[in-house]
Amino acid sequence: MPSRSPRKGKNCASACLTKDHKTFGECMRAKSLQLAPNIMGLQINKEGEKELQAYRDARAQGIKPAGTTKAKVEEAVRISQETGRAYEAW
C-alpha cells in the first residue's frame, strides 16, 4: 500500500493567498495570527482603571477633581487635606 502524503493547499483556509500549506495549522501559522490578547493594551487599560477608581474614590469623599487623571485627582485630594474641606474644581 503506497503511503499517502497530503496535497499541498488541500487544507488551506479559503482566504489563503498561496494555497501551498500541507495542513490547516501550517496555513494558520503562516498568517501570524495573534490569538492572545495584546498584553500592552491590557496594561494600559489597567492603568486607566486605576486612575478612574482614584477619581471615583475622591468623588465618594465629596471631592470634585478638575479631571480624571492621576495628577488632577492627587492635586484635589492634597488641597482637600490641606484646607480641611472637599475641593471643588467647578
N, C-alpha and C. Protein backbone atom coordinates (compact mmCIF):
# COMPACT_ATOMS: atom_id res chain seq x y z
N MET A 1 0.83 -1.17 0.00
CA MET A 1 0.00 0.00 0.00
C MET A 1 0.89 1.24 0.00
N PRO A 2 0.73 2.12 -0.97
CA PRO A 2 1.58 3.31 -1.03
C PRO A 2 1.20 4.29 0.07
N SER A 3 2.22 4.97 0.58
CA SER A 3 1.94 5.97 1.63
C SER A 3 1.35 7.21 0.98
N ARG A 4 0.38 7.72 1.67
CA ARG A 4 -0.27 8.94 1.15
C ARG A 4 0.36 10.17 1.79
N SER A 5 0.67 11.14 1.02
CA SER A 5 1.09 12.43 1.57
C SER A 5 0.06 13.45 1.13
N PRO A 6 -0.37 14.26 2.06
CA PRO A 6 -1.41 15.22 1.70
C PRO A 6 -0.94 16.19 0.62
N ARG A 7 -1.86 16.54 -0.24
CA ARG A 7 -1.54 17.52 -1.28
C ARG A 7 -1.44 18.89 -0.63
N LYS A 8 -0.45 19.64 -1.07
CA LYS A 8 -0.31 20.99 -0.55
C LYS A 8 -1.51 21.82 -0.98
N GLY A 9 -1.99 22.65 -0.04
CA GLY A 9 -3.10 23.54 -0.35
C GLY A 9 -4.47 22.95 -0.11
N LYS A 10 -4.56 21.64 -0.02
CA LYS A 10 -5.85 20.98 0.17
C LYS A 10 -6.52 21.42 1.47
N ASN A 11 -5.73 21.65 2.50
CA ASN A 11 -6.26 22.01 3.81
C ASN A 11 -6.12 23.49 4.14
N CYS A 12 -5.77 24.31 3.17
CA CYS A 12 -5.61 25.74 3.41
C CYS A 12 -6.96 26.41 3.64
N ALA A 13 -6.89 27.54 4.33
CA ALA A 13 -8.09 28.35 4.54
C ALA A 13 -8.54 28.92 3.20
N SER A 14 -9.80 29.22 3.09
CA SER A 14 -10.32 29.72 1.82
C SER A 14 -9.69 31.05 1.43
N ALA A 15 -9.26 31.83 2.41
CA ALA A 15 -8.65 33.13 2.11
C ALA A 15 -7.14 33.07 1.94
N CYS A 16 -6.57 31.88 1.98
CA CYS A 16 -5.12 31.73 1.83
C CYS A 16 -4.71 32.18 0.43
N LEU A 17 -3.71 33.01 0.38
CA LEU A 17 -3.25 33.54 -0.91
C LEU A 17 -2.33 32.56 -1.64
N THR A 18 -1.55 31.79 -0.90
CA THR A 18 -0.57 30.93 -1.55
C THR A 18 -1.06 29.51 -1.81
N LYS A 19 -1.98 29.02 -1.00
CA LYS A 19 -2.53 27.65 -1.14
C LYS A 19 -1.41 26.61 -1.27
N ASP A 20 -0.36 26.78 -0.48
CA ASP A 20 0.76 25.84 -0.57
C ASP A 20 1.12 25.19 0.76
N HIS A 21 0.18 25.14 1.69
CA HIS A 21 0.43 24.57 3.00
C HIS A 21 -0.07 23.14 3.09
N LYS A 22 0.69 22.30 3.78
CA LYS A 22 0.32 20.89 3.89
C LYS A 22 -0.87 20.69 4.85
N THR A 23 -0.95 21.52 5.88
CA THR A 23 -2.02 21.36 6.87
C THR A 23 -2.69 22.71 7.14
N PHE A 24 -3.88 22.63 7.72
CA PHE A 24 -4.59 23.85 8.09
C PHE A 24 -3.80 24.62 9.14
N GLY A 25 -3.19 23.88 10.09
CA GLY A 25 -2.37 24.52 11.12
C GLY A 25 -1.20 25.28 10.53
N GLU A 26 -0.55 24.69 9.56
CA GLU A 26 0.58 25.36 8.89
C GLU A 26 0.09 26.63 8.21
N CYS A 27 -1.09 26.56 7.60
CA CYS A 27 -1.67 27.72 6.94
C CYS A 27 -1.94 28.83 7.96
N MET A 28 -2.52 28.47 9.11
CA MET A 28 -2.82 29.47 10.14
C MET A 28 -1.55 30.08 10.72
N ARG A 29 -0.54 29.24 10.96
CA ARG A 29 0.73 29.76 11.49
C ARG A 29 1.36 30.73 10.49
N ALA A 30 1.22 30.47 9.21
CA ALA A 30 1.79 31.35 8.19
C ALA A 30 1.11 32.71 8.18
N LYS A 31 -0.13 32.77 8.66
CA LYS A 31 -0.85 34.05 8.72
C LYS A 31 -0.40 34.90 9.91
N SER A 32 0.37 34.32 10.83
CA SER A 32 0.84 35.01 12.03
C SER A 32 -0.32 35.60 12.82
N LEU A 33 -1.33 34.80 13.04
CA LEU A 33 -2.49 35.26 13.81
C LEU A 33 -2.10 35.48 15.26
N GLN A 34 -2.68 36.49 15.89
CA GLN A 34 -2.43 36.74 17.30
C GLN A 34 -3.70 36.36 18.05
N LEU A 35 -3.67 35.22 18.70
CA LEU A 35 -4.85 34.73 19.40
C LEU A 35 -4.90 35.19 20.85
N ALA A 36 -3.76 35.52 21.43
CA ALA A 36 -3.72 36.01 22.80
C ALA A 36 -4.00 37.51 22.81
N PRO A 37 -4.60 38.02 23.87
CA PRO A 37 -4.85 39.46 23.92
C PRO A 37 -3.55 40.25 23.94
N ASN A 38 -3.62 41.44 23.48
CA ASN A 38 -2.46 42.32 23.44
C ASN A 38 -2.11 42.71 24.88
N ILE A 39 -0.97 42.23 25.35
CA ILE A 39 -0.56 42.46 26.73
C ILE A 39 -0.36 43.94 27.01
N MET A 40 0.23 44.66 26.09
CA MET A 40 0.45 46.09 26.30
C MET A 40 -0.89 46.82 26.42
N GLY A 41 -1.84 46.44 25.60
CA GLY A 41 -3.17 47.06 25.68
C GLY A 41 -3.83 46.80 27.01
N LEU A 42 -3.64 45.61 27.55
CA LEU A 42 -4.20 45.30 28.87
C LEU A 42 -3.55 46.13 29.95
N GLN A 43 -2.24 46.32 29.84
CA GLN A 43 -1.52 47.11 30.84
C GLN A 43 -2.02 48.56 30.84
N ILE A 44 -2.20 49.12 29.65
CA ILE A 44 -2.69 50.49 29.54
C ILE A 44 -4.10 50.58 30.13
N ASN A 45 -4.92 49.59 29.86
CA ASN A 45 -6.28 49.58 30.38
C ASN A 45 -6.28 49.50 31.90
N LYS A 46 -5.39 48.71 32.48
CA LYS A 46 -5.31 48.59 33.94
C LYS A 46 -4.93 49.93 34.56
N GLU A 47 -3.99 50.63 33.93
CA GLU A 47 -3.59 51.94 34.45
C GLU A 47 -4.76 52.92 34.38
N GLY A 48 -5.50 52.88 33.29
CA GLY A 48 -6.66 53.75 33.15
C GLY A 48 -7.72 53.44 34.19
N GLU A 49 -7.91 52.16 34.48
CA GLU A 49 -8.88 51.76 35.50
C GLU A 49 -8.45 52.25 36.88
N LYS A 50 -7.15 52.20 37.16
CA LYS A 50 -6.65 52.69 38.45
C LYS A 50 -6.94 54.19 38.59
N GLU A 51 -6.72 54.94 37.51
CA GLU A 51 -6.99 56.38 37.56
C GLU A 51 -8.48 56.64 37.78
N LEU A 52 -9.32 55.91 37.07
CA LEU A 52 -10.76 56.11 37.23
C LEU A 52 -11.24 55.71 38.62
N GLN A 53 -10.63 54.67 39.19
CA GLN A 53 -11.02 54.26 40.54
C GLN A 53 -10.60 55.32 41.55
N ALA A 54 -9.43 55.93 41.37
CA ALA A 54 -8.99 57.01 42.26
C ALA A 54 -9.96 58.19 42.16
N TYR A 55 -10.42 58.48 40.95
CA TYR A 55 -11.40 59.56 40.76
C TYR A 55 -12.71 59.21 41.48
N ARG A 56 -13.18 57.98 41.32
CA ARG A 56 -14.42 57.55 42.00
C ARG A 56 -14.28 57.66 43.51
N ASP A 57 -13.12 57.24 44.01
CA ASP A 57 -12.88 57.31 45.46
C ASP A 57 -12.91 58.76 45.95
N ALA A 58 -12.30 59.65 45.18
CA ALA A 58 -12.30 61.07 45.56
C ALA A 58 -13.72 61.63 45.54
N ARG A 59 -14.49 61.29 44.51
CA ARG A 59 -15.87 61.76 44.41
C ARG A 59 -16.72 61.23 45.57
N ALA A 60 -16.44 60.00 45.99
CA ALA A 60 -17.18 59.42 47.12
C ALA A 60 -16.91 60.18 48.41
N GLN A 61 -15.77 60.87 48.48
CA GLN A 61 -15.42 61.68 49.65
C GLN A 61 -15.94 63.11 49.52
N GLY A 62 -16.61 63.40 48.41
CA GLY A 62 -17.14 64.75 48.20
C GLY A 62 -16.19 65.67 47.45
N ILE A 63 -15.04 65.14 47.06
CA ILE A 63 -14.04 65.93 46.33
C ILE A 63 -14.41 65.94 44.86
N LYS A 64 -14.27 67.10 44.23
CA LYS A 64 -14.58 67.22 42.81
C LYS A 64 -13.32 67.64 42.05
N PRO A 65 -12.50 66.65 41.63
CA PRO A 65 -11.27 66.97 40.89
C PRO A 65 -11.58 67.63 39.54
N ALA A 66 -10.59 68.35 39.02
CA ALA A 66 -10.74 69.03 37.73
C ALA A 66 -10.71 68.05 36.56
N GLY A 67 -10.33 66.82 36.80
CA GLY A 67 -10.28 65.81 35.75
C GLY A 67 -10.10 64.44 36.34
N THR A 68 -10.01 63.44 35.48
CA THR A 68 -9.89 62.06 35.95
C THR A 68 -8.45 61.55 35.96
N THR A 69 -7.49 62.38 35.53
CA THR A 69 -6.10 61.93 35.52
C THR A 69 -5.57 61.83 36.94
N LYS A 70 -4.55 61.02 37.09
CA LYS A 70 -3.94 60.80 38.40
C LYS A 70 -3.48 62.12 39.01
N ALA A 71 -2.85 62.96 38.21
CA ALA A 71 -2.33 64.23 38.72
C ALA A 71 -3.46 65.14 39.22
N LYS A 72 -4.55 65.23 38.48
CA LYS A 72 -5.68 66.07 38.88
C LYS A 72 -6.33 65.57 40.16
N VAL A 73 -6.49 64.26 40.26
CA VAL A 73 -7.11 63.67 41.45
C VAL A 73 -6.21 63.87 42.66
N GLU A 74 -4.90 63.60 42.50
CA GLU A 74 -3.98 63.78 43.62
C GLU A 74 -3.93 65.23 44.08
N GLU A 75 -3.97 66.16 43.13
CA GLU A 75 -3.96 67.58 43.48
C GLU A 75 -5.22 67.94 44.28
N ALA A 76 -6.37 67.47 43.85
CA ALA A 76 -7.63 67.75 44.54
C ALA A 76 -7.63 67.15 45.95
N VAL A 77 -7.11 65.93 46.08
CA VAL A 77 -7.04 65.29 47.40
C VAL A 77 -6.10 66.06 48.31
N ARG A 78 -4.94 66.47 47.78
CA ARG A 78 -3.95 67.22 48.57
C ARG A 78 -4.55 68.54 49.06
N ILE A 79 -5.20 69.27 48.16
CA ILE A 79 -5.81 70.55 48.54
C ILE A 79 -6.90 70.32 49.59
N SER A 80 -7.68 69.28 49.42
CA SER A 80 -8.73 68.96 50.39
C SER A 80 -8.15 68.69 51.77
N GLN A 81 -7.05 67.96 51.80
CA GLN A 81 -6.41 67.66 53.08
C GLN A 81 -5.81 68.90 53.73
N GLU A 82 -5.22 69.78 52.90
CA GLU A 82 -4.61 70.99 53.42
C GLU A 82 -5.64 71.98 53.95
N THR A 83 -6.78 72.10 53.27
CA THR A 83 -7.79 73.08 53.65
C THR A 83 -8.81 72.52 54.64
N GLY A 84 -8.88 71.21 54.72
CA GLY A 84 -9.83 70.61 55.64
C GLY A 84 -11.25 70.54 55.09
N ARG A 85 -11.43 70.88 53.83
CA ARG A 85 -12.75 70.77 53.20
C ARG A 85 -12.61 70.22 51.79
N ALA A 86 -13.69 69.61 51.31
CA ALA A 86 -13.66 68.97 49.99
C ALA A 86 -13.40 70.00 48.88
N TYR A 87 -12.44 69.69 48.04
CA TYR A 87 -12.10 70.56 46.91
C TYR A 87 -13.15 70.46 45.83
N GLU A 88 -13.52 71.59 45.26
CA GLU A 88 -14.47 71.63 44.15
C GLU A 88 -13.86 72.40 43.00
N ALA A 89 -13.56 71.69 41.91
CA ALA A 89 -12.94 72.32 40.75
C ALA A 89 -13.93 73.14 39.95
N TRP A 90 -15.23 72.87 40.09
CA TRP A 90 -16.22 73.62 39.32
C TRP A 90 -17.30 74.16 40.18
